[in-house]
Amino acid sequence: MEESLQRLLDAENRAQQIHNKAEEQRERIIQEALQEAKTKEQHFETRIPELHNSFMEKAESRAEQTIAELKKRFDERHAQLREYAEAREEDALSAAFAVLIDPNADED
C-alpha cells in the first residue's frame, strides 16, 4: 500500500511539474505577445508622420488634378461663349444701330 501511495505522490509531483511548466510557458507566451504588440504599436506611431505626409501628398495631387480639370472645362466653356458672342456680334451691332437710328422702330 505504501508503494502505491508513493507512486501516486510521484505521479502527482510530475503532474504538478508539468502544470507549472505549462503555466510558465503560457506566461512567457503572453509576455512575448504583449511585447510584440507594444513594439508594433511603437513602430506604427513612429510611422504616423510618414503616413500623414503620404496622405497629404495624394490629397494635394488629387486637388491639383481636379483644379486642372476644372480649369480645362472653364477654358473650353469660355471659348464656346466667345465663339457664340463673336457669331452674334454682327446681329447685335445691327440691332443696336437700328435702335440708335430709329428708337421708335420697336413700338410698331
PDB file of N, CA and C in Angstrom:
ATOM      1  N   MET A   1       0.812  -1.181   0.000  1.00  0.00           N
ATOM      2  CA  MET A   1       0.000   0.000   0.000  1.00  0.00           C
ATOM      3  C   MET A   1       0.863   1.255   0.000  1.00  0.00           C
ATOM      4  N   GLU A   2       1.924   1.199   0.785  1.00  0.00           N
ATOM      5  CA  GLU A   2       2.817   2.344   0.851  1.00  0.00           C
ATOM      6  C   GLU A   2       3.455   2.626  -0.499  1.00  0.00           C
ATOM      7  N   GLU A   3       3.749   1.573  -1.242  1.00  0.00           N
ATOM      8  CA  GLU A   3       4.332   1.732  -2.575  1.00  0.00           C
ATOM      9  C   GLU A   3       3.337   2.390  -3.515  1.00  0.00           C
ATOM     10  N   SER A   4       2.069   2.035  -3.442  1.00  0.00           N
ATOM     11  CA  SER A   4       1.028   2.646  -4.273  1.00  0.00           C
ATOM     12  C   SER A   4       0.886   4.121  -3.945  1.00  0.00           C
ATOM     13  N   LEU A   5       0.909   4.429  -2.663  1.00  0.00           N
ATOM     14  CA  LEU A   5       0.815   5.829  -2.260  1.00  0.00           C
ATOM     15  C   LEU A   5       2.013   6.623  -2.768  1.00  0.00           C
ATOM     16  N   GLN A   6       3.184   5.986  -2.713  1.00  0.00           N
ATOM     17  CA  GLN A   6       4.389   6.670  -3.189  1.00  0.00           C
ATOM     18  C   GLN A   6       4.299   6.922  -4.693  1.00  0.00           C
ATOM     19  N   ARG A   7       3.782   5.949  -5.440  1.00  0.00           N
ATOM     20  CA  ARG A   7       3.625   6.141  -6.898  1.00  0.00           C
ATOM     21  C   ARG A   7       2.622   7.246  -7.178  1.00  0.00           C
ATOM     22  N   LEU A   8       1.535   7.262  -6.395  1.00  0.00           N
ATOM     23  CA  LEU A   8       0.545   8.334  -6.575  1.00  0.00           C
ATOM     24  C   LEU A   8       1.158   9.698  -6.272  1.00  0.00           C
ATOM     25  N   LEU A   9       1.962   9.773  -5.204  1.00  0.00           N
ATOM     26  CA  LEU A   9       2.627  11.034  -4.871  1.00  0.00           C
ATOM     27  C   LEU A   9       3.602  11.452  -5.975  1.00  0.00           C
ATOM     28  N   ASP A  10       4.343  10.466  -6.489  1.00  0.00           N
ATOM     29  CA  ASP A  10       5.284  10.759  -7.578  1.00  0.00           C
ATOM     30  C   ASP A  10       4.528  11.238  -8.823  1.00  0.00           C
ATOM     31  N   ALA A  11       3.431  10.580  -9.136  1.00  0.00           N
ATOM     32  CA  ALA A  11       2.626  10.977 -10.298  1.00  0.00           C
ATOM     33  C   ALA A  11       2.060  12.380 -10.090  1.00  0.00           C
ATOM     34  N   GLU A  12       1.612  12.639  -8.867  1.00  0.00           N
ATOM     35  CA  GLU A  12       1.075  13.972  -8.571  1.00  0.00           C
ATOM     36  C   GLU A  12       2.172  15.036  -8.693  1.00  0.00           C
ATOM     37  N   ASN A  13       3.374  14.707  -8.230  1.00  0.00           N
ATOM     38  CA  ASN A  13       4.504  15.645  -8.344  1.00  0.00           C
ATOM     39  C   ASN A  13       4.842  15.907  -9.816  1.00  0.00           C
ATOM     40  N   ARG A  14       4.860  14.846 -10.618  1.00  0.00           N
ATOM     41  CA  ARG A  14       5.142  15.014 -12.050  1.00  0.00           C
ATOM     42  C   ARG A  14       4.048  15.851 -12.711  1.00  0.00           C
ATOM     43  N   ALA A  15       2.808  15.587 -12.346  1.00  0.00           N
ATOM     44  CA  ALA A  15       1.688  16.351 -12.895  1.00  0.00           C
ATOM     45  C   ALA A  15       1.811  17.824 -12.497  1.00  0.00           C
ATOM     46  N   GLN A  16       2.199  18.053 -11.247  1.00  0.00           N
ATOM     47  CA  GLN A  16       2.370  19.432 -10.783  1.00  0.00           C
ATOM     48  C   GLN A  16       3.512  20.110 -11.532  1.00  0.00           C
ATOM     49  N   GLN A  17       4.594  19.384 -11.769  1.00  0.00           N
ATOM     50  CA  GLN A  17       5.713  19.952 -12.527  1.00  0.00           C
ATOM     51  C   GLN A  17       5.289  20.286 -13.961  1.00  0.00           C
ATOM     52  N   ILE A  18       4.545  19.377 -14.577  1.00  0.00           N
ATOM     53  CA  ILE A  18       4.045  19.615 -15.937  1.00  0.00           C
ATOM     54  C   ILE A  18       3.136  20.836 -15.945  1.00  0.00           C
ATOM     55  N   HIS A  19       2.267  20.901 -14.959  1.00  0.00           N
ATOM     56  CA  HIS A  19       1.357  22.044 -14.847  1.00  0.00           C
ATOM     57  C   HIS A  19       2.150  23.345 -14.660  1.00  0.00           C
ATOM     58  N   ASN A  20       3.157  23.322 -13.797  1.00  0.00           N
ATOM     59  CA  ASN A  20       3.978  24.510 -13.548  1.00  0.00           C
ATOM     60  C   ASN A  20       4.712  24.952 -14.812  1.00  0.00           C
ATOM     61  N   LYS A  21       5.262  23.977 -15.543  1.00  0.00           N
ATOM     62  CA  LYS A  21       5.956  24.299 -16.793  1.00  0.00           C
ATOM     63  C   LYS A  21       4.982  24.915 -17.798  1.00  0.00           C
ATOM     64  N   ALA A  22       3.797  24.342 -17.884  1.00  0.00           N
ATOM     65  CA  ALA A  22       2.783  24.859 -18.807  1.00  0.00           C
ATOM     66  C   ALA A  22       2.390  26.284 -18.411  1.00  0.00           C
ATOM     67  N   GLU A  23       2.239  26.543 -17.139  1.00  0.00           N
ATOM     68  CA  GLU A  23       1.903  27.889 -16.666  1.00  0.00           C
ATOM     69  C   GLU A  23       3.025  28.878 -16.992  1.00  0.00           C
ATOM     70  N   GLU A  24       4.268  28.450 -16.761  1.00  0.00           N
ATOM     71  CA  GLU A  24       5.410  29.314 -17.082  1.00  0.00           C
ATOM     72  C   GLU A  24       5.468  29.610 -18.577  1.00  0.00           C
ATOM     73  N   GLN A  25       5.257  28.572 -19.375  1.00  0.00           N
ATOM     74  CA  GLN A  25       5.275  28.739 -20.831  1.00  0.00           C
ATOM     75  C   GLN A  25       4.132  29.663 -21.271  1.00  0.00           C
ATOM     76  N   ARG A  26       2.969  29.469 -20.694  1.00  0.00           N
ATOM     77  CA  ARG A  26       1.814  30.315 -21.008  1.00  0.00           C
ATOM     78  C   ARG A  26       2.114  31.760 -20.665  1.00  0.00           C
ATOM     79  N   GLU A  27       2.667  32.004 -19.508  1.00  0.00           N
ATOM     80  CA  GLU A  27       3.005  33.368 -19.083  1.00  0.00           C
ATOM     81  C   GLU A  27       4.064  33.975 -19.995  1.00  0.00           C
ATOM     82  N   ARG A  28       5.055  33.173 -20.380  1.00  0.00           N
ATOM     83  CA  ARG A  28       6.100  33.648 -21.289  1.00  0.00           C
ATOM     84  C   ARG A  28       5.507  34.017 -22.648  1.00  0.00           C
ATOM     85  N   ILE A  29       4.604  33.193 -23.163  1.00  0.00           N
ATOM     86  CA  ILE A  29       3.956  33.471 -24.451  1.00  0.00           C
ATOM     87  C   ILE A  29       3.136  34.760 -24.362  1.00  0.00           C
ATOM     88  N   ILE A  30       2.427  34.927 -23.262  1.00  0.00           N
ATOM     89  CA  ILE A  30       1.626  36.153 -23.079  1.00  0.00           C
ATOM     90  C   ILE A  30       2.537  37.373 -23.044  1.00  0.00           C
ATOM     91  N   GLN A  31       3.629  37.298 -22.300  1.00  0.00           N
ATOM     92  CA  GLN A  31       4.554  38.430 -22.197  1.00  0.00           C
ATOM     93  C   GLN A  31       5.193  38.747 -23.555  1.00  0.00           C
ATOM     94  N   GLU A  32       5.553  37.694 -24.306  1.00  0.00           N
ATOM     95  CA  GLU A  32       6.126  37.900 -25.641  1.00  0.00           C
ATOM     96  C   GLU A  32       5.105  38.566 -26.567  1.00  0.00           C
ATOM     97  N   ALA A  33       3.865  38.110 -26.492  1.00  0.00           N
ATOM     98  CA  ALA A  33       2.817  38.699 -27.327  1.00  0.00           C
ATOM     99  C   ALA A  33       2.587  40.155 -26.958  1.00  0.00           C
ATOM    100  N   LEU A  34       2.558  40.451 -25.664  1.00  0.00           N
ATOM    101  CA  LEU A  34       2.394  41.843 -25.222  1.00  0.00           C
ATOM    102  C   LEU A  34       3.556  42.714 -25.695  1.00  0.00           C
ATOM    103  N   GLN A  35       4.772  42.188 -25.584  1.00  0.00           N
ATOM    104  CA  GLN A  35       5.950  42.945 -26.026  1.00  0.00           C
ATOM    105  C   GLN A  35       5.906  43.159 -27.539  1.00  0.00           C
ATOM    106  N   GLU A  36       5.510  42.142 -28.274  1.00  0.00           N
ATOM    107  CA  GLU A  36       5.415  42.268 -29.735  1.00  0.00           C
ATOM    108  C   GLU A  36       4.358  43.298 -30.114  1.00  0.00           C
ATOM    109  N   ALA A  37       3.220  43.268 -29.431  1.00  0.00           N
ATOM    110  CA  ALA A  37       2.165  44.254 -29.704  1.00  0.00           C
ATOM    111  C   ALA A  37       2.652  45.659 -29.384  1.00  0.00           C
ATOM    112  N   LYS A  38       3.372  45.812 -28.281  1.00  0.00           N
ATOM    113  CA  LYS A  38       3.904  47.119 -27.895  1.00  0.00           C
ATOM    114  C   LYS A  38       4.916  47.607 -28.931  1.00  0.00           C
ATOM    115  N   THR A  39       5.766  46.717 -29.401  1.00  0.00           N
ATOM    116  CA  THR A  39       6.757  47.072 -30.417  1.00  0.00           C
ATOM    117  C   THR A  39       6.079  47.504 -31.714  1.00  0.00           C
ATOM    118  N   LYS A  40       5.054  46.753 -32.123  1.00  0.00           N
ATOM    119  CA  LYS A  40       4.330  47.104 -33.353  1.00  0.00           C
ATOM    120  C   LYS A  40       3.597  48.432 -33.196  1.00  0.00           C
ATOM    121  N   GLU A  41       3.042  48.673 -32.011  1.00  0.00           N
ATOM    122  CA  GLU A  41       2.356  49.938 -31.762  1.00  0.00           C
ATOM    123  C   GLU A  41       3.340  51.101 -31.835  1.00  0.00           C
ATOM    124  N   GLN A  42       4.518  50.929 -31.256  1.00  0.00           N
ATOM    125  CA  GLN A  42       5.535  51.982 -31.307  1.00  0.00           C
ATOM    126  C   GLN A  42       5.983  52.213 -32.755  1.00  0.00           C
ATOM    127  N   HIS A  43       6.146  51.133 -33.488  1.00  0.00           N
ATOM    128  CA  HIS A  43       6.536  51.243 -34.897  1.00  0.00           C
ATOM    129  C   HIS A  43       5.471  52.004 -35.676  1.00  0.00           C
ATOM    130  N   PHE A  44       4.213  51.693 -35.424  1.00  0.00           N
ATOM    131  CA  PHE A  44       3.118  52.401 -36.102  1.00  0.00           C
ATOM    132  C   PHE A  44       3.125  53.878 -35.729  1.00  0.00           C
ATOM    133  N   GLU A  45       3.307  54.164 -34.439  1.00  0.00           N
ATOM    134  CA  GLU A  45       3.305  55.559 -34.000  1.00  0.00           C
ATOM    135  C   GLU A  45       4.449  56.350 -34.625  1.00  0.00           C
ATOM    136  N   THR A  46       5.581  55.710 -34.834  1.00  0.00           N
ATOM    137  CA  THR A  46       6.692  56.423 -35.481  1.00  0.00           C
ATOM    138  C   THR A  46       6.402  56.641 -36.966  1.00  0.00           C
ATOM    139  N   ARG A  47       5.527  55.836 -37.548  1.00  0.00           N
ATOM    140  CA  ARG A  47       5.199  55.974 -38.968  1.00  0.00           C
ATOM    141  C   ARG A  47       4.050  56.943 -39.217  1.00  0.00           C
ATOM    142  N   ILE A  48       3.390  57.416 -38.166  1.00  0.00           N
ATOM    143  CA  ILE A  48       2.236  58.308 -38.347  1.00  0.00           C
ATOM    144  C   ILE A  48       2.602  59.541 -39.174  1.00  0.00           C
ATOM    145  N   PRO A  49       3.702  60.243 -38.887  1.00  0.00           N
ATOM    146  CA  PRO A  49       4.030  61.408 -39.731  1.00  0.00           C
ATOM    147  C   PRO A  49       4.239  61.021 -41.201  1.00  0.00           C
ATOM    148  N   GLU A  50       4.887  59.894 -41.423  1.00  0.00           N
ATOM    149  CA  GLU A  50       5.104  59.425 -42.801  1.00  0.00           C
ATOM    150  C   GLU A  50       3.776  59.121 -43.486  1.00  0.00           C
ATOM    151  N   LEU A  51       2.890  58.451 -42.774  1.00  0.00           N
ATOM    152  CA  LEU A  51       1.576  58.143 -43.335  1.00  0.00           C
ATOM    153  C   LEU A  51       0.788  59.424 -43.601  1.00  0.00           C
ATOM    154  N   HIS A  52       0.873  60.371 -42.674  1.00  0.00           N
ATOM    155  CA  HIS A  52       0.188  61.652 -42.830  1.00  0.00           C
ATOM    156  C   HIS A  52       0.707  62.394 -44.064  1.00  0.00           C
ATOM    157  N   ASN A  53       2.035  62.447 -44.193  1.00  0.00           N
ATOM    158  CA  ASN A  53       2.625  63.126 -45.346  1.00  0.00           C
ATOM    159  C   ASN A  53       2.217  62.458 -46.654  1.00  0.00           C
ATOM    160  N   SER A  54       2.214  61.153 -46.663  1.00  0.00           N
ATOM    161  CA  SER A  54       1.801  60.415 -47.864  1.00  0.00           C
ATOM    162  C   SER A  54       0.358  60.737 -48.216  1.00  0.00           C
ATOM    163  N   PHE A  55      -0.505  60.753 -47.209  1.00  0.00           N
ATOM    164  CA  PHE A  55      -1.906  61.084 -47.431  1.00  0.00           C
ATOM    165  C   PHE A  55      -2.041  62.503 -47.973  1.00  0.00           C
ATOM    166  N   MET A  56      -1.305  63.442 -47.374  1.00  0.00           N
ATOM    167  CA  MET A  56      -1.382  64.838 -47.807  1.00  0.00           C
ATOM    168  C   MET A  56      -0.880  64.996 -49.248  1.00  0.00           C
ATOM    169  N   GLU A  57       0.187  64.298 -49.595  1.00  0.00           N
ATOM    170  CA  GLU A  57       0.703  64.367 -50.963  1.00  0.00           C
ATOM    171  C   GLU A  57      -0.336  63.857 -51.954  1.00  0.00           C
ATOM    172  N   LYS A  58      -0.980  62.759 -51.624  1.00  0.00           N
ATOM    173  CA  LYS A  58      -2.012  62.219 -52.509  1.00  0.00           C
ATOM    174  C   LYS A  58      -3.189  63.178 -52.607  1.00  0.00           C
ATOM    175  N   ALA A  59      -3.588  63.761 -51.487  1.00  0.00           N
ATOM    176  CA  ALA A  59      -4.710  64.705 -51.491  1.00  0.00           C
ATOM    177  C   ALA A  59      -4.367  65.935 -52.321  1.00  0.00           C
ATOM    178  N   GLU A  60      -3.153  66.440 -52.162  1.00  0.00           N
ATOM    179  CA  GLU A  60      -2.730  67.605 -52.948  1.00  0.00           C
ATOM    180  C   GLU A  60      -2.681  67.266 -54.436  1.00  0.00           C
ATOM    181  N   SER A  61      -2.201  66.085 -54.746  1.00  0.00           N
ATOM    182  CA  SER A  61      -2.142  65.657 -56.144  1.00  0.00           C
ATOM    183  C   SER A  61      -3.544  65.578 -56.744  1.00  0.00           C
ATOM    184  N   ARG A  62      -4.482  64.990 -55.988  1.00  0.00           N
ATOM    185  CA  ARG A  62      -5.861  64.904 -56.476  1.00  0.00           C
ATOM    186  C   ARG A  62      -6.472  66.293 -56.609  1.00  0.00           C
ATOM    187  N   ALA A  63      -6.168  67.178 -55.674  1.00  0.00           N
ATOM    188  CA  ALA A  63      -6.695  68.545 -55.739  1.00  0.00           C
ATOM    189  C   ALA A  63      -6.147  69.264 -56.970  1.00  0.00           C
ATOM    190  N   GLU A  64      -4.850  69.126 -57.222  1.00  0.00           N
ATOM    191  CA  GLU A  64      -4.248  69.751 -58.401  1.00  0.00           C
ATOM    192  C   GLU A  64      -4.858  69.202 -59.682  1.00  0.00           C
ATOM    193  N   GLN A  65      -5.093  67.892 -59.713  1.00  0.00           N
ATOM    194  CA  GLN A  65      -5.711  67.273 -60.889  1.00  0.00           C
ATOM    195  C   GLN A  65      -7.129  67.808 -61.081  1.00  0.00           C
ATOM    196  N   THR A  66      -7.884  67.920 -59.999  1.00  0.00           N
ATOM    197  CA  THR A  66      -9.249  68.437 -60.079  1.00  0.00           C
ATOM    198  C   THR A  66      -9.245  69.883 -60.553  1.00  0.00           C
ATOM    199  N   ILE A  67      -8.325  70.679 -60.023  1.00  0.00           N
ATOM    200  CA  ILE A  67      -8.221  72.079 -60.436  1.00  0.00           C
ATOM    201  C   ILE A  67      -7.891  72.162 -61.920  1.00  0.00           C
ATOM    202  N   ALA A  68      -6.969  71.329 -62.376  1.00  0.00           N
ATOM    203  CA  ALA A  68      -6.600  71.328 -63.798  1.00  0.00           C
ATOM    204  C   ALA A  68      -7.800  70.959 -64.674  1.00  0.00           C
ATOM    205  N   GLU A  69      -8.568  69.956 -64.232  1.00  0.00           N
ATOM    206  CA  GLU A  69      -9.749  69.555 -64.997  1.00  0.00           C
ATOM    207  C   GLU A  69     -10.788  70.680 -65.029  1.00  0.00           C
ATOM    208  N   LEU A  70     -11.017  71.316 -63.864  1.00  0.00           N
ATOM    209  CA  LEU A  70     -11.968  72.428 -63.813  1.00  0.00           C
ATOM    210  C   LEU A  70     -11.508  73.592 -64.687  1.00  0.00           C
ATOM    211  N   LYS A  71     -10.214  73.900 -64.662  1.00  0.00           N
ATOM    212  CA  LYS A  71      -9.681  74.984 -65.488  1.00  0.00           C
ATOM    213  C   LYS A  71      -9.861  74.646 -66.966  1.00  0.00           C
ATOM    214  N   LYS A  72      -9.610  73.398 -67.320  1.00  0.00           N
ATOM    215  CA  LYS A  72      -9.775  72.982 -68.713  1.00  0.00           C
ATOM    216  C   LYS A  72     -11.231  73.148 -69.136  1.00  0.00           C
ATOM    217  N   ARG A  73     -12.162  72.710 -68.293  1.00  0.00           N
ATOM    218  CA  ARG A  73     -13.586  72.852 -68.626  1.00  0.00           C
ATOM    219  C   ARG A  73     -13.986  74.319 -68.694  1.00  0.00           C
ATOM    220  N   PHE A  74     -13.436  75.125 -67.773  1.00  0.00           N
ATOM    221  CA  PHE A  74     -13.723  76.561 -67.802  1.00  0.00           C
ATOM    222  C   PHE A  74     -13.219  77.176 -69.102  1.00  0.00           C
ATOM    223  N   ASP A  75     -11.988  76.830 -69.484  1.00  0.00           N
ATOM    224  CA  ASP A  75     -11.410  77.372 -70.721  1.00  0.00           C
ATOM    225  C   ASP A  75     -12.222  76.939 -71.935  1.00  0.00           C
ATOM    226  N   GLU A  76     -12.664  75.681 -71.948  1.00  0.00           N
ATOM    227  CA  GLU A  76     -13.488  75.197 -73.066  1.00  0.00           C
ATOM    228  C   GLU A  76     -14.811  75.962 -73.116  1.00  0.00           C
ATOM    229  N   ARG A  77     -15.438  76.137 -71.968  1.00  0.00           N
ATOM    230  CA  ARG A  77     -16.712  76.862 -71.919  1.00  0.00           C
ATOM    231  C   ARG A  77     -16.512  78.327 -72.300  1.00  0.00           C
ATOM    232  N   HIS A  78     -15.435  78.909 -71.833  1.00  0.00           N
ATOM    233  CA  HIS A  78     -15.123  80.293 -72.181  1.00  0.00           C
ATOM    234  C   HIS A  78     -14.948  80.429 -73.695  1.00  0.00           C
ATOM    235  N   ALA A  79     -14.243  79.485 -74.296  1.00  0.00           N
ATOM    236  CA  ALA A  79     -14.040  79.518 -75.750  1.00  0.00           C
ATOM    237  C   ALA A  79     -15.377  79.377 -76.475  1.00  0.00           C
ATOM    238  N   GLN A  80     -16.247  78.494 -75.979  1.00  0.00           N
ATOM    239  CA  GLN A  80     -17.574  78.337 -76.601  1.00  0.00           C
ATOM    240  C   GLN A  80     -18.368  79.635 -76.509  1.00  0.00           C
ATOM    241  N   LEU A  81     -18.370  80.259 -75.349  1.00  0.00           N
ATOM    242  CA  LEU A  81     -19.100  81.517 -75.171  1.00  0.00           C
ATOM    243  C   LEU A  81     -18.513  82.619 -76.050  1.00  0.00           C
ATOM    244  N   ARG A  82     -17.178  82.656 -76.166  1.00  0.00           N
ATOM    245  CA  ARG A  82     -16.526  83.649 -77.017  1.00  0.00           C
ATOM    246  C   ARG A  82     -16.942  83.437 -78.470  1.00  0.00           C
ATOM    247  N   GLU A  83     -16.939  82.177 -78.919  1.00  0.00           N
ATOM    248  CA  GLU A  83     -17.363  81.878 -80.296  1.00  0.00           C
ATOM    249  C   GLU A  83     -18.819  82.277 -80.506  1.00  0.00           C
ATOM    250  N   TYR A  84     -19.661  81.979 -79.529  1.00  0.00           N
ATOM    251  CA  TYR A  84     -21.077  82.346 -79.632  1.00  0.00           C
ATOM    252  C   TYR A  84     -21.229  83.863 -79.706  1.00  0.00           C
ATOM    253  N   ALA A  85     -20.480  84.576 -78.850  1.00  0.00           N
ATOM    254  CA  ALA A  85     -20.557  86.040 -78.840  1.00  0.00           C
ATOM    255  C   ALA A  85     -20.068  86.614 -80.167  1.00  0.00           C
ATOM    256  N   GLU A  86     -18.981  86.081 -80.683  1.00  0.00           N
ATOM    257  CA  GLU A  86     -18.463  86.561 -81.962  1.00  0.00           C
ATOM    258  C   GLU A  86     -19.438  86.271 -83.095  1.00  0.00           C
ATOM    259  N   ALA A  87     -20.101  85.121 -83.030  1.00  0.00           N
ATOM    260  CA  ALA A  87     -21.066  84.774 -84.073  1.00  0.00           C
ATOM    261  C   ALA A  87     -22.275  85.699 -84.016  1.00  0.00           C
ATOM    262  N   ARG A  88     -22.632  86.175 -82.846  1.00  0.00           N
ATOM    263  CA  ARG A  88     -23.813  87.032 -82.688  1.00  0.00           C
ATOM    264  C   ARG A  88     -23.456  88.524 -82.690  1.00  0.00           C
ATOM    265  N   GLU A  89     -22.172  88.836 -82.759  1.00  0.00           N
ATOM    266  CA  GLU A  89     -21.737  90.227 -82.688  1.00  0.00           C
ATOM    267  C   GLU A  89     -22.336  91.069 -83.822  1.00  0.00           C
ATOM    268  N   GLU A  90     -22.324  90.557 -85.012  1.00  0.00           N
ATOM    269  CA  GLU A  90     -22.851  91.307 -86.158  1.00  0.00           C
ATOM    270  C   GLU A  90     -24.337  91.594 -85.975  1.00  0.00           C
ATOM    271  N   ASP A  91     -25.103  90.582 -85.537  1.00  0.00           N
ATOM    272  CA  ASP A  91     -26.542  90.797 -85.300  1.00  0.00           C
ATOM    273  C   ASP A  91     -26.759  91.822 -84.192  1.00  0.00           C
ATOM    274  N   ALA A  92     -25.958  91.758 -83.120  1.00  0.00           N
ATOM    275  CA  ALA A  92     -26.105  92.692 -82.006  1.00  0.00           C
ATOM    276  C   ALA A  92     -25.783  94.113 -82.444  1.00  0.00           C
ATOM    277  N   LEU A  93     -24.729  94.275 -83.234  1.00  0.00           N
ATOM    278  CA  LEU A  93     -24.372  95.613 -83.721  1.00  0.00           C
ATOM    279  C   LEU A  93     -25.455  96.168 -84.633  1.00  0.00           C
ATOM    280  N   SER A  94     -26.002  95.337 -85.510  1.00  0.00           N
ATOM    281  CA  SER A  94     -27.068  95.780 -86.409  1.00  0.00           C
ATOM    282  C   SER A  94     -28.289  96.216 -85.617  1.00  0.00           C
ATOM    283  N   ALA A  95     -28.659  95.434 -84.620  1.00  0.00           N
ATOM    284  CA  ALA A  95     -29.820  95.780 -83.802  1.00  0.00           C
ATOM    285  C   ALA A  95     -29.554  97.064 -83.026  1.00  0.00           C
ATOM    286  N   ALA A  96     -28.368  97.252 -82.518  1.00  0.00           N
ATOM    287  CA  ALA A  96     -28.034  98.454 -81.761  1.00  0.00           C
ATOM    288  C   ALA A  96     -28.080  99.680 -82.663  1.00  0.00           C
ATOM    289  N   PHE A  97     -27.532  99.566 -83.885  1.00  0.00           N
ATOM    290  CA  PHE A  97     -27.572 100.686 -84.814  1.00  0.00           C
ATOM    291  C   PHE A  97     -29.002 101.011 -85.217  1.00  0.00           C
ATOM    292  N   ALA A  98     -29.812  99.973 -85.387  1.00  0.00           N
ATOM    293  CA  ALA A  98     -31.203 100.204 -85.762  1.00  0.00           C
ATOM    294  C   ALA A  98     -31.934 100.966 -84.667  1.00  0.00           C
ATOM    295  N   VAL A  99     -31.664 100.642 -83.430  1.00  0.00           N
ATOM    296  CA  VAL A  99     -32.305 101.336 -82.313  1.00  0.00           C
ATOM    297  C   VAL A  99     -31.792 102.769 -82.245  1.00  0.00           C
ATOM    298  N   LEU A 100     -30.513 102.956 -82.485  1.00  0.00           N
ATOM    299  CA  LEU A 100     -29.950 104.301 -82.438  1.00  0.00           C
ATOM    300  C   LEU A 100     -30.498 105.177 -83.565  1.00  0.00           C
ATOM    301  N   ILE A 101     -30.643 104.566 -84.730  1.00  0.00           N
ATOM    302  CA  ILE A 101     -31.130 105.303 -85.887  1.00  0.00           C
ATOM    303  C   ILE A 101     -32.614 105.610 -85.743  1.00  0.00           C
ATOM    304  N   ASP A 102     -33.386 104.619 -85.349  1.00  0.00           N
ATOM    305  CA  ASP A 102     -34.856 104.801 -85.224  1.00  0.00           C
ATOM    306  C   ASP A 102     -35.310 104.210 -83.886  1.00  0.00           C
ATOM    307  N   PRO A 103     -35.262 104.977 -82.810  1.00  0.00           N
ATOM    308  CA  PRO A 103     -35.610 104.458 -81.490  1.00  0.00           C
ATOM    309  C   PRO A 103     -37.064 104.023 -81.400  1.00  0.00           C
ATOM    310  N   ASN A 104     -37.924 104.465 -82.246  1.00  0.00           N
ATOM    311  CA  ASN A 104     -39.334 104.119 -82.176  1.00  0.00           C
ATOM    312  C   ASN A 104     -39.692 102.902 -83.039  1.00  0.00           C
ATOM    313  N   ALA A 105     -38.709 102.244 -83.638  1.00  0.00           N
ATOM    314  CA  ALA A 105     -38.971 101.135 -84.543  1.00  0.00           C
ATOM    315  C   ALA A 105     -39.586  99.941 -83.804  1.00  0.00           C
ATOM    316  N   ASP A 106     -39.290  99.725 -82.551  1.00  0.00           N
ATOM    317  CA  ASP A 106     -39.842  98.599 -81.792  1.00  0.00           C
ATOM    318  C   ASP A 106     -41.277  98.837 -81.381  1.00  0.00           C
ATOM    319  N   GLU A 107     -41.741 100.071 -81.384  1.00  0.00           N
ATOM    320  CA  GLU A 107     -43.095 100.378 -80.903  1.00  0.00           C
ATOM    321  C   GLU A 107     -44.148 100.003 -81.918  1.00  0.00           C
ATOM    322  N   ASP A 108     -43.813  99.742 -83.135  1.00  0.00           N
ATOM    323  CA  ASP A 108     -44.817  99.417 -84.173  1.00  0.00           C
ATOM    324  C   ASP A 108     -45.411  98.103 -83.963  1.00  0.00           C
TER     325      ASP A 108
END
